[in-house]
C-alpha atoms as a PDB file:
ATOM      1  CA  UNK A   1     -10.004  30.494  -1.006  1.00  0.00           C
ATOM      2  CA  UNK A   2      -7.957  27.349  -1.708  1.00  0.00           C
ATOM      3  CA  UNK A   3      -6.060  26.399  -4.839  1.00  0.00           C
ATOM      4  CA  UNK A   4      -5.396  22.725  -4.089  1.00  0.00           C
ATOM      5  CA  UNK A   5      -8.192  20.393  -2.979  1.00  0.00           C
ATOM      6  CA  UNK A   6      -7.198  16.972  -1.623  1.00  0.00           C
ATOM      7  CA  UNK A   7     -10.057  14.466  -1.536  1.00  0.00           C
ATOM      8  CA  UNK A   8     -10.139  11.310   0.541  1.00  0.00           C
ATOM      9  CA  UNK A   9     -11.582   8.368  -1.417  1.00  0.00           C
ATOM     10  CA  UNK A  10     -13.567   6.053   0.902  1.00  0.00           C
ATOM     11  CA  UNK A  11     -16.555   7.800   2.435  1.00  0.00           C
ATOM     12  CA  UNK A  12     -15.879  11.068   0.603  1.00  0.00           C
ATOM     13  CA  UNK A  13     -16.032  10.276  -3.108  1.00  0.00           C
ATOM     14  CA  UNK A  14     -17.338   6.700  -2.933  1.00  0.00           C
ATOM     15  CA  UNK A  15     -19.736   4.896  -0.623  1.00  0.00           C
ATOM     16  CA  UNK A  16     -17.367   2.031   0.114  1.00  0.00           C
ATOM     17  CA  UNK A  17     -18.753   0.611   3.340  1.00  0.00           C
ATOM     18  CA  UNK A  18     -20.274  -2.563   1.904  1.00  0.00           C
ATOM     19  CA  UNK A  19     -17.097  -3.653   0.130  1.00  0.00           C
ATOM     20  CA  UNK A  20     -14.812  -2.856   3.051  1.00  0.00           C
ATOM     21  CA  UNK A  21     -16.935  -4.449   5.783  1.00  0.00           C
ATOM     22  CA  UNK A  22     -17.609  -7.485   3.595  1.00  0.00           C
ATOM     23  CA  UNK A  23     -13.908  -8.067   2.996  1.00  0.00           C
ATOM     24  CA  UNK A  24     -13.138  -7.487   6.679  1.00  0.00           C
ATOM     25  CA  UNK A  25     -15.823 -10.000   7.704  1.00  0.00           C
ATOM     26  CA  UNK A  26     -14.457 -12.556   5.227  1.00  0.00           C
ATOM     27  CA  UNK A  27     -10.907 -12.072   6.509  1.00  0.00           C
ATOM     28  CA  UNK A  28     -11.836 -12.345  10.178  1.00  0.00           C
ATOM     29  CA  UNK A  29     -13.639 -15.625   9.488  1.00  0.00           C
ATOM     30  CA  UNK A  30     -10.702 -16.938   7.435  1.00  0.00           C
ATOM     31  CA  UNK A  31      -8.382 -16.136  10.345  1.00  0.00           C
ATOM     32  CA  UNK A  32     -10.639 -17.988  12.783  1.00  0.00           C
ATOM     33  CA  UNK A  33     -11.294 -14.892  14.901  1.00  0.00           C
ATOM     34  CA  UNK A  34     -14.506 -13.908  16.674  1.00  0.00           C
ATOM     35  CA  UNK A  35     -17.057 -12.099  14.538  1.00  0.00           C
ATOM     36  CA  UNK A  36     -17.436  -8.340  14.852  1.00  0.00           C
ATOM     37  CA  UNK A  37     -20.705  -6.422  14.787  1.00  0.00           C
ATOM     38  CA  UNK A  38     -21.517  -3.998  11.977  1.00  0.00           C
ATOM     39  CA  UNK A  39     -20.575  -0.975  14.080  1.00  0.00           C
ATOM     40  CA  UNK A  40     -17.125  -2.414  14.769  1.00  0.00           C
ATOM     41  CA  UNK A  41     -16.653  -3.453  11.134  1.00  0.00           C
ATOM     42  CA  UNK A  42     -17.310   0.124  10.019  1.00  0.00           C
ATOM     43  CA  UNK A  43     -14.214   1.141  11.990  1.00  0.00           C
ATOM     44  CA  UNK A  44     -12.145  -0.502   9.250  1.00  0.00           C
ATOM     45  CA  UNK A  45     -12.961   2.511   7.078  1.00  0.00           C
ATOM     46  CA  UNK A  46     -10.188   5.069   7.448  1.00  0.00           C
ATOM     47  CA  UNK A  47      -7.155   3.718   9.325  1.00  0.00           C
ATOM     48  CA  UNK A  48      -4.476   1.360   7.946  1.00  0.00           C
ATOM     49  CA  UNK A  49      -5.768  -2.236   7.781  1.00  0.00           C
ATOM     50  CA  UNK A  50      -2.919  -3.618   9.853  1.00  0.00           C
ATOM     51  CA  UNK A  51      -3.800  -1.363  12.778  1.00  0.00           C
ATOM     52  CA  UNK A  52      -7.469  -2.315  12.541  1.00  0.00           C
ATOM     53  CA  UNK A  53      -6.737  -6.030  12.680  1.00  0.00           C
ATOM     54  CA  UNK A  54      -4.445  -5.533  15.662  1.00  0.00           C
ATOM     55  CA  UNK A  55      -6.702  -3.115  17.512  1.00  0.00           C
ATOM     56  CA  UNK A  56     -10.158  -4.486  16.720  1.00  0.00           C
ATOM     57  CA  UNK A  57      -9.389  -8.193  16.371  1.00  0.00           C
ATOM     58  CA  UNK A  58      -6.489  -8.446  18.858  1.00  0.00           C
ATOM     59  CA  UNK A  59      -4.268 -10.112  16.273  1.00  0.00           C
ATOM     60  CA  UNK A  60      -0.548 -10.555  16.697  1.00  0.00           C
ATOM     61  CA  UNK A  61       1.871  -8.807  14.336  1.00  0.00           C
ATOM     62  CA  UNK A  62       2.210 -11.899  12.144  1.00  0.00           C
ATOM     63  CA  UNK A  63      -1.526 -12.600  12.172  1.00  0.00           C
ATOM     64  CA  UNK A  64      -2.299  -9.015  11.175  1.00  0.00           C
ATOM     65  CA  UNK A  65       0.140  -9.132   8.271  1.00  0.00           C
ATOM     66  CA  UNK A  66      -1.472 -12.345   7.021  1.00  0.00           C
ATOM     67  CA  UNK A  67      -4.929 -10.823   7.488  1.00  0.00           C
ATOM     68  CA  UNK A  68      -3.981  -7.781   5.397  1.00  0.00           C
ATOM     69  CA  UNK A  69      -2.944 -10.095   2.544  1.00  0.00           C
ATOM     70  CA  UNK A  70      -6.206 -12.076   2.768  1.00  0.00           C
ATOM     71  CA  UNK A  71      -8.290  -8.900   2.933  1.00  0.00           C
ATOM     72  CA  UNK A  72      -6.589  -7.337  -0.066  1.00  0.00           C
ATOM     73  CA  UNK A  73      -6.983 -10.458  -2.185  1.00  0.00           C
ATOM     74  CA  UNK A  74     -10.705 -10.571  -1.416  1.00  0.00           C
ATOM     75  CA  UNK A  75     -11.234  -6.817  -1.805  1.00  0.00           C
ATOM     76  CA  UNK A  76      -9.383  -6.640  -5.109  1.00  0.00           C
ATOM     77  CA  UNK A  77     -11.382  -9.593  -6.406  1.00  0.00           C
ATOM     78  CA  UNK A  78     -14.855  -8.307  -5.562  1.00  0.00           C
ATOM     79  CA  UNK A  79     -15.017  -5.763  -2.740  1.00  0.00           C
ATOM     80  CA  UNK A  80     -13.737  -2.795  -4.733  1.00  0.00           C
ATOM     81  CA  UNK A  81     -16.704  -3.011  -7.124  1.00  0.00           C
ATOM     82  CA  UNK A  82     -19.172  -2.454  -4.257  1.00  0.00           C
ATOM     83  CA  UNK A  83     -18.414   1.243  -4.025  1.00  0.00           C
ATOM     84  CA  UNK A  84     -20.755   3.586  -5.905  1.00  0.00           C
ATOM     85  CA  UNK A  85     -20.111   7.301  -6.148  1.00  0.00           C
ATOM     86  CA  UNK A  86     -22.042   9.444  -3.713  1.00  0.00           C
ATOM     87  CA  UNK A  87     -25.013  11.107  -5.332  1.00  0.00           C
ATOM     88  CA  UNK A  88     -24.079  14.586  -6.512  1.00  0.00           C
ATOM     89  CA  UNK A  89     -20.314  14.112  -6.260  1.00  0.00           C
ATOM     90  CA  UNK A  90     -19.777  14.228 -10.039  1.00  0.00           C
ATOM     91  CA  UNK A  91     -21.521  17.592 -10.231  1.00  0.00           C
ATOM     92  CA  UNK A  92     -19.387  18.832  -7.329  1.00  0.00           C
ATOM     93  CA  UNK A  93     -16.172  17.829  -9.097  1.00  0.00           C
ATOM     94  CA  UNK A  94     -17.368  19.443 -12.326  1.00  0.00           C
ATOM     95  CA  UNK A  95     -18.093  22.705 -10.494  1.00  0.00           C
ATOM     96  CA  UNK A  96     -14.762  22.766  -8.655  1.00  0.00           C
ATOM     97  CA  UNK A  97     -12.859  21.999 -11.844  1.00  0.00           C
ATOM     98  CA  UNK A  98     -14.709  24.827 -13.605  1.00  0.00           C
ATOM     99  CA  UNK A  99     -13.563  27.152 -10.827  1.00  0.00           C
ATOM    100  CA  UNK A 100      -9.967  26.404 -11.778  1.00  0.00           C
ATOM    101  CA  UNK A 101      -9.145  24.375  -8.681  1.00  0.00           C
ATOM    102  CA  UNK A 102      -6.480  21.654  -8.722  1.00  0.00           C
ATOM    103  CA  UNK A 103      -8.040  18.415  -7.469  1.00  0.00           C
ATOM    104  CA  UNK A 104      -6.169  15.429  -6.038  1.00  0.00           C
ATOM    105  CA  UNK A 105      -7.108  12.130  -4.396  1.00  0.00           C
ATOM    106  CA  UNK A 106      -5.188  11.313  -1.215  1.00  0.00           C
ATOM    107  CA  UNK A 107      -6.052   7.916   0.251  1.00  0.00           C
ATOM    108  CA  UNK A 108      -4.788   5.239   2.635  1.00  0.00           C
ATOM    109  CA  UNK A 109      -6.074   2.591   0.226  1.00  0.00           C
ATOM    110  CA  UNK A 110      -3.283   0.905  -1.790  1.00  0.00           C
ATOM    111  CA  UNK A 111      -2.598   2.867  -4.954  1.00  0.00           C
ATOM    112  CA  UNK A 112      -3.259  -0.062  -7.273  1.00  0.00           C
ATOM    113  CA  UNK A 113      -6.716  -0.685  -5.789  1.00  0.00           C
ATOM    114  CA  UNK A 114      -7.626   2.998  -5.644  1.00  0.00           C
ATOM    115  CA  UNK A 115      -6.617   3.320  -9.285  1.00  0.00           C
ATOM    116  CA  UNK A 116      -9.058   0.554 -10.275  1.00  0.00           C
ATOM    117  CA  UNK A 117     -11.881   2.368  -8.482  1.00  0.00           C
ATOM    118  CA  UNK A 118     -11.004   5.739  -9.996  1.00  0.00           C
ATOM    119  CA  UNK A 119     -10.894   4.219 -13.482  1.00  0.00           C
ATOM    120  CA  UNK A 120     -14.141   2.331 -12.875  1.00  0.00           C
ATOM    121  CA  UNK A 121     -15.953   5.600 -12.200  1.00  0.00           C
ATOM    122  CA  UNK A 122     -14.146   7.674 -14.835  1.00  0.00           C
ATOM    123  CA  UNK A 123     -12.788  10.118 -12.261  1.00  0.00           C
ATOM    124  CA  UNK A 124      -9.323  10.741 -13.692  1.00  0.00           C
ATOM    125  CA  UNK A 125     -10.586  13.628 -15.819  1.00  0.00           C
ATOM    126  CA  UNK A 126     -11.166  15.617 -12.626  1.00  0.00           C
ATOM    127  CA  UNK A 127      -7.929  14.884 -10.748  1.00  0.00           C
ATOM    128  CA  UNK A 128      -4.322  15.740 -11.539  1.00  0.00           C
ATOM    129  CA  UNK A 129      -3.024  12.815  -9.493  1.00  0.00           C
ATOM    130  CA  UNK A 130      -3.779  10.010  -7.064  1.00  0.00           C
ATOM    131  CA  UNK A 131      -1.636   9.373  -3.991  1.00  0.00           C
ATOM    132  CA  UNK A 132      -1.810   6.156  -1.987  1.00  0.00           C
ATOM    133  CA  UNK A 133       0.586   3.649  -0.400  1.00  0.00           C
ATOM    134  CA  UNK A 134       2.041   0.705  -2.297  1.00  0.00           C
ATOM    135  CA  UNK A 135       1.020  -2.874  -1.531  1.00  0.00           C
ATOM    136  CA  UNK A 136       4.314  -3.359   0.281  1.00  0.00           C
ATOM    137  CA  UNK A 137       3.594  -0.522   2.737  1.00  0.00           C
ATOM    138  CA  UNK A 138       1.514  -1.894   5.593  1.00  0.00           C
ATOM    139  CA  UNK A 139       1.097   1.004   8.048  1.00  0.00           C
ATOM    140  CA  UNK A 140       1.567   4.264   6.149  1.00  0.00           C
ATOM    141  CA  UNK A 141      -0.649   6.986   7.626  1.00  0.00           C
ATOM    142  CA  UNK A 142      -2.617   9.717   5.869  1.00  0.00           C
ATOM    143  CA  UNK A 143      -0.259  12.503   6.987  1.00  0.00           C
ATOM    144  CA  UNK A 144       2.522  10.871   4.973  1.00  0.00           C
ATOM    145  CA  UNK A 145       0.182  10.605   1.995  1.00  0.00           C
ATOM    146  CA  UNK A 146      -0.486  14.347   2.201  1.00  0.00           C
ATOM    147  CA  UNK A 147       3.260  15.050   2.214  1.00  0.00           C
ATOM    148  CA  UNK A 148       3.708  12.857  -0.847  1.00  0.00           C
ATOM    149  CA  UNK A 149       0.838  14.629  -2.604  1.00  0.00           C
ATOM    150  CA  UNK A 150       2.498  17.963  -1.862  1.00  0.00           C
ATOM    151  CA  UNK A 151       5.760  16.748  -3.407  1.00  0.00           C
ATOM    152  CA  UNK A 152       4.027  15.208  -6.404  1.00  0.00           C
ATOM    153  CA  UNK A 153       2.033  18.357  -7.134  1.00  0.00           C
ATOM    154  CA  UNK A 154       4.736  20.866  -6.244  1.00  0.00           C
ATOM    155  CA  UNK A 155       2.796  22.464  -3.383  1.00  0.00           C
ATOM    156  CA  UNK A 156       5.020  24.677  -1.228  1.00  0.00           C
ATOM    157  CA  UNK A 157       2.422  26.711   0.665  1.00  0.00           C
ATOM    158  CA  UNK A 158       0.175  24.621   2.952  1.00  0.00           C
ATOM    159  CA  UNK A 159      -2.259  27.530   3.278  1.00  0.00           C
ATOM    160  CA  UNK A 160      -3.244  27.049  -0.371  1.00  0.00           C
ATOM    161  CA  UNK A 161      -4.406  23.477   0.254  1.00  0.00           C
ATOM    162  CA  UNK A 162      -7.291  21.822   2.063  1.00  0.00           C
ATOM    163  CA  UNK A 163      -7.964  18.170   2.947  1.00  0.00           C
ATOM    164  CA  UNK A 164     -11.527  16.940   2.431  1.00  0.00           C
ATOM    165  CA  UNK A 165     -12.460  13.740   4.239  1.00  0.00           C
ATOM    166  CA  UNK A 166     -14.996  11.843   6.296  1.00  0.00           C
ATOM    167  CA  UNK A 167     -12.994  10.459   9.230  1.00  0.00           C
ATOM    168  CA  UNK A 168     -10.877  11.804  12.071  1.00  0.00           C
ATOM    169  CA  UNK A 169      -7.775  10.375  10.372  1.00  0.00           C
ATOM    170  CA  UNK A 170      -8.165  12.915   7.552  1.00  0.00           C
ATOM    171  CA  UNK A 171      -8.406  15.768  10.047  1.00  0.00           C
ATOM    172  CA  UNK A 172      -5.442  14.537  12.109  1.00  0.00           C
ATOM    173  CA  UNK A 173      -3.325  14.223   8.967  1.00  0.00           C
ATOM    174  CA  UNK A 174      -4.258  17.706   7.801  1.00  0.00           C
ATOM    175  CA  UNK A 175      -3.390  19.185  11.193  1.00  0.00           C
ATOM    176  CA  UNK A 176       0.008  17.494  11.213  1.00  0.00           C
ATOM    177  CA  UNK A 177       0.810  19.138   7.882  1.00  0.00           C
ATOM    178  CA  UNK A 178      -0.529  22.589   8.750  1.00  0.00           C
ATOM    179  CA  UNK A 179      -3.376  22.147   6.277  1.00  0.00           C
ATOM    180  CA  UNK A 180      -6.995  23.243   6.717  1.00  0.00           C
ATOM    181  CA  UNK A 181      -9.669  20.560   6.560  1.00  0.00           C
ATOM    182  CA  UNK A 182     -13.257  20.082   5.468  1.00  0.00           C
ATOM    183  CA  UNK A 183     -15.003  17.233   7.280  1.00  0.00           C
ATOM    184  CA  UNK A 184     -18.028  15.730   5.519  1.00  0.00           C
ATOM    185  CA  UNK A 185     -20.920  14.278   7.505  1.00  0.00           C
ATOM    186  CA  UNK A 186     -22.400  12.256   4.641  1.00  0.00           C
ATOM    187  CA  UNK A 187     -19.590   9.674   4.980  1.00  0.00           C
ATOM    188  CA  UNK A 188     -18.666   7.410   7.888  1.00  0.00           C
ATOM    189  CA  UNK A 189     -17.522   9.916  10.511  1.00  0.00           C
ATOM    190  CA  UNK A 190     -19.506  12.045  12.935  1.00  0.00           C
ATOM    191  CA  UNK A 191     -19.581  15.620  14.156  1.00  0.00           C
ATOM    192  CA  UNK A 192     -18.191  14.703  17.581  1.00  0.00           C
ATOM    193  CA  UNK A 193     -14.944  13.260  16.202  1.00  0.00           C
ATOM    194  CA  UNK A 194     -14.550  16.177  13.793  1.00  0.00           C
ATOM    195  CA  UNK A 195     -14.992  18.763  16.528  1.00  0.00           C
ATOM    196  CA  UNK A 196     -12.651  16.855  18.811  1.00  0.00           C
ATOM    197  CA  UNK A 197      -9.901  16.806  16.157  1.00  0.00           C
ATOM    198  CA  UNK A 198     -10.460  20.460  15.287  1.00  0.00           C
ATOM    199  CA  UNK A 199     -11.740  20.296  11.709  1.00  0.00           C
ATOM    200  CA  UNK A 200     -11.594  23.731  10.077  1.00  0.00           C
ATOM    201  CA  UNK A 201     -15.031  23.276   8.508  1.00  0.00           C
ATOM    202  CA  UNK A 202     -17.807  20.692   8.777  1.00  0.00           C
ATOM    203  CA  UNK A 203     -20.364  20.206   6.002  1.00  0.00           C
ATOM    204  CA  UNK A 204     -23.411  17.949   5.787  1.00  0.00           C
ATOM    205  CA  UNK A 205     -23.607  17.495   2.010  1.00  0.00           C
ATOM    206  CA  UNK A 206     -21.129  17.340  -0.838  1.00  0.00           C
ATOM    207  CA  UNK A 207     -22.849  20.337  -2.451  1.00  0.00           C
ATOM    208  CA  UNK A 208     -21.797  22.440   0.541  1.00  0.00           C
ATOM    209  CA  UNK A 209     -18.157  21.865  -0.406  1.00  0.00           C
ATOM    210  CA  UNK A 210     -18.682  23.950  -3.550  1.00  0.00           C
ATOM    211  CA  UNK A 211     -20.408  26.740  -1.623  1.00  0.00           C
ATOM    212  CA  UNK A 212     -17.588  26.802   0.912  1.00  0.00           C
ATOM    213  CA  UNK A 213     -14.778  26.807  -1.658  1.00  0.00           C
ATOM    214  CA  UNK A 214     -16.453  29.529  -3.730  1.00  0.00           C
ATOM    215  CA  UNK A 215     -16.520  32.043  -0.864  1.00  0.00           C
END
């Protein structure tokens, strides 16, 4: 069905909500901004941090840049460790690898941080590469990450690839690159946003990814 499988990291491979919301809460307090509720904090999962601080916290450009630096320092110190693998995901990766699929991680999380998480969980044996923005890139979107993954892996036919993710940003990015998408409901997104963005497939469990790919 597909040869190249691009996996989002947060909310797709790892349950990263606690670390992300904790670092966001810490940063907002450090910046002297009004607290956000848990539902609003969860919106930090997916989009670039800079845009979240501007949109959710009404920060100025300079404030948002400073907030990103504070967030990253806190997250890289302790937040990244609060991100266990989803139950069953290792078995899913094993099965897909055994099927001869080429697996990649495509994330909006800074490469250096994502690399620490991937190494922490011993995931490199499943993936041929990891694509994420550098620390210096503040507002790089997922569609650009997909393009970079294509270049890195030598993908020339978008129909051979699929993006697997848990938020609307993954679906939007896939659509912009002419790539099919698999939206997962076990992460931090919901069926309504997936249907609105036109996800190619929607699955409830990670095990369903294997069933879908094997058809």
